[in-house]
Amino acid sequence: MSVVEAPFPGTISEILVKVGDSVKEDDEMIIIEAMKMKNPLVSPADGKVKEIKVKEQEEVQTGQVLAVIE
């Protein structure tokens, strides 16, 4: 099991996957906005999206788990 974590505080501007989607390592999953810049967060491994723990426009903190891949 792998997780996608917020690398810095910001706002979730877009979620590009849904539960059940298959992802490959380095596929873009979530767009986080910080300091007026949009930054894509990618899958750390191949797998299936098991859980998405955030919603669009939600504020997140560094290290917060955003999604789980199995």
C-alpha atoms as a PDB file:
ATOM      1  CA  MET A   1       0.000   0.000   0.000  1.00  0.00           C
ATOM      2  CA  SER A   2       1.212   3.506  -0.863  1.00  0.00           C
ATOM      3  CA  VAL A   3      -0.044   6.958   0.037  1.00  0.00           C
ATOM      4  CA  VAL A   4      -0.013  10.365  -1.613  1.00  0.00           C
ATOM      5  CA  GLU A   5       0.849  13.052   0.957  1.00  0.00           C
ATOM      6  CA  ALA A   6       0.764  16.830   0.771  1.00  0.00           C
ATOM      7  CA  PRO A   7       4.383  18.024   0.373  1.00  0.00           C
ATOM      8  CA  PHE A   8       3.435  21.488   1.678  1.00  0.00           C
ATOM      9  CA  PRO A   9       0.353  23.332   2.944  1.00  0.00           C
ATOM     10  CA  GLY A  10      -2.107  24.356   0.251  1.00  0.00           C
ATOM     11  CA  THR A  11      -5.557  23.955  -1.261  1.00  0.00           C
ATOM     12  CA  ILE A  12      -6.739  20.980  -3.324  1.00  0.00           C
ATOM     13  CA  SER A  13      -7.696  22.562  -6.648  1.00  0.00           C
ATOM     14  CA  GLU A  14      -8.477  19.390  -8.624  1.00  0.00           C
ATOM     15  CA  ILE A  15      -8.752  15.631  -8.079  1.00  0.00           C
ATOM     16  CA  LEU A  16      -7.923  13.800 -11.297  1.00  0.00           C
ATOM     17  CA  VAL A  17      -8.745  10.214 -10.206  1.00  0.00           C
ATOM     18  CA  LYS A  18     -11.557   8.435  -8.425  1.00  0.00           C
ATOM     19  CA  VAL A  19     -11.762   5.383  -6.177  1.00  0.00           C
ATOM     20  CA  GLY A  20     -11.260   2.219  -8.226  1.00  0.00           C
ATOM     21  CA  ASP A  21      -9.112   3.860 -10.924  1.00  0.00           C
ATOM     22  CA  SER A  22      -5.890   2.099 -11.895  1.00  0.00           C
ATOM     23  CA  VAL A  23      -2.803   4.305 -11.762  1.00  0.00           C
ATOM     24  CA  LYS A  24       0.792   3.877 -12.832  1.00  0.00           C
ATOM     25  CA  GLU A  25       3.805   5.300 -11.031  1.00  0.00           C
ATOM     26  CA  ASP A  26       4.153   9.037 -11.814  1.00  0.00           C
ATOM     27  CA  ASP A  27       0.528   9.416 -13.053  1.00  0.00           C
ATOM     28  CA  GLU A  28      -0.886  12.777 -11.952  1.00  0.00           C
ATOM     29  CA  MET A  29      -3.543  12.267  -9.285  1.00  0.00           C
ATOM     30  CA  ILE A  30      -4.190  15.534  -7.462  1.00  0.00           C
ATOM     31  CA  ILE A  31      -3.473  19.201  -8.167  1.00  0.00           C
ATOM     32  CA  ILE A  32      -2.556  21.238  -5.081  1.00  0.00           C
ATOM     33  CA  GLU A  33      -2.373  25.026  -5.172  1.00  0.00           C
ATOM     34  CA  ALA A  34       0.081  26.916  -2.995  1.00  0.00           C
ATOM     35  CA  MET A  35       1.374  30.464  -3.374  1.00  0.00           C
ATOM     36  CA  LYS A  36      -0.771  30.882  -6.526  1.00  0.00           C
ATOM     37  CA  MET A  37       1.031  27.972  -8.245  1.00  0.00           C
ATOM     38  CA  LYS A  38      -0.663  24.715  -9.204  1.00  0.00           C
ATOM     39  CA  ASN A  39       1.465  21.646  -8.495  1.00  0.00           C
ATOM     40  CA  PRO A  40       0.598  18.124  -9.656  1.00  0.00           C
ATOM     41  CA  LEU A  41       0.996  15.307  -7.147  1.00  0.00           C
ATOM     42  CA  VAL A  42       1.775  11.950  -8.717  1.00  0.00           C
ATOM     43  CA  SER A  43       1.266   8.329  -7.799  1.00  0.00           C
ATOM     44  CA  PRO A  44       4.269   6.861  -5.948  1.00  0.00           C
ATOM     45  CA  ALA A  45       3.570   3.362  -7.346  1.00  0.00           C
ATOM     46  CA  ASP A  46       1.429   1.307  -9.717  1.00  0.00           C
ATOM     47  CA  GLY A  47      -1.878   0.219  -8.222  1.00  0.00           C
ATOM     48  CA  LYS A  48      -5.547   0.957  -7.729  1.00  0.00           C
ATOM     49  CA  VAL A  49      -6.950   4.008  -5.944  1.00  0.00           C
ATOM     50  CA  LYS A  50      -8.396   2.624  -2.706  1.00  0.00           C
ATOM     51  CA  GLU A  51      -9.334   5.853  -0.953  1.00  0.00           C
ATOM     52  CA  ILE A  52      -9.393   9.607  -1.546  1.00  0.00           C
ATOM     53  CA  LYS A  53      -9.277  11.435   1.774  1.00  0.00           C
ATOM     54  CA  VAL A  54      -9.808  15.025   0.574  1.00  0.00           C
ATOM     55  CA  LYS A  55     -12.270  17.085  -1.447  1.00  0.00           C
ATOM     56  CA  GLU A  56     -11.642  19.859  -3.977  1.00  0.00           C
ATOM     57  CA  GLN A  57     -11.117  23.290  -2.339  1.00  0.00           C
ATOM     58  CA  GLU A  58     -10.086  21.638   0.951  1.00  0.00           C
ATOM     59  CA  GLU A  59      -7.136  23.178   2.814  1.00  0.00           C
ATOM     60  CA  VAL A  60      -4.410  20.619   3.613  1.00  0.00           C
ATOM     61  CA  GLN A  61      -1.268  20.604   5.747  1.00  0.00           C
ATOM     62  CA  THR A  62       2.229  19.235   5.099  1.00  0.00           C
ATOM     63  CA  GLY A  63       2.291  15.440   5.458  1.00  0.00           C
ATOM     64  CA  GLN A  64      -1.498  15.029   5.349  1.00  0.00           C
ATOM     65  CA  VAL A  65      -2.524  11.820   3.555  1.00  0.00           C
ATOM     66  CA  LEU A  66      -4.558  12.744   0.473  1.00  0.00           C
ATOM     67  CA  ALA A  67      -5.050   9.354  -1.202  1.00  0.00           C
ATOM     68  CA  VAL A  68      -4.317   5.662  -0.642  1.00  0.00           C
ATOM     69  CA  ILE A  69      -3.197   3.259  -3.391  1.00  0.00           C
ATOM     70  CA  GLU A  70      -3.136  -0.522  -3.103  1.00  0.00           C
END
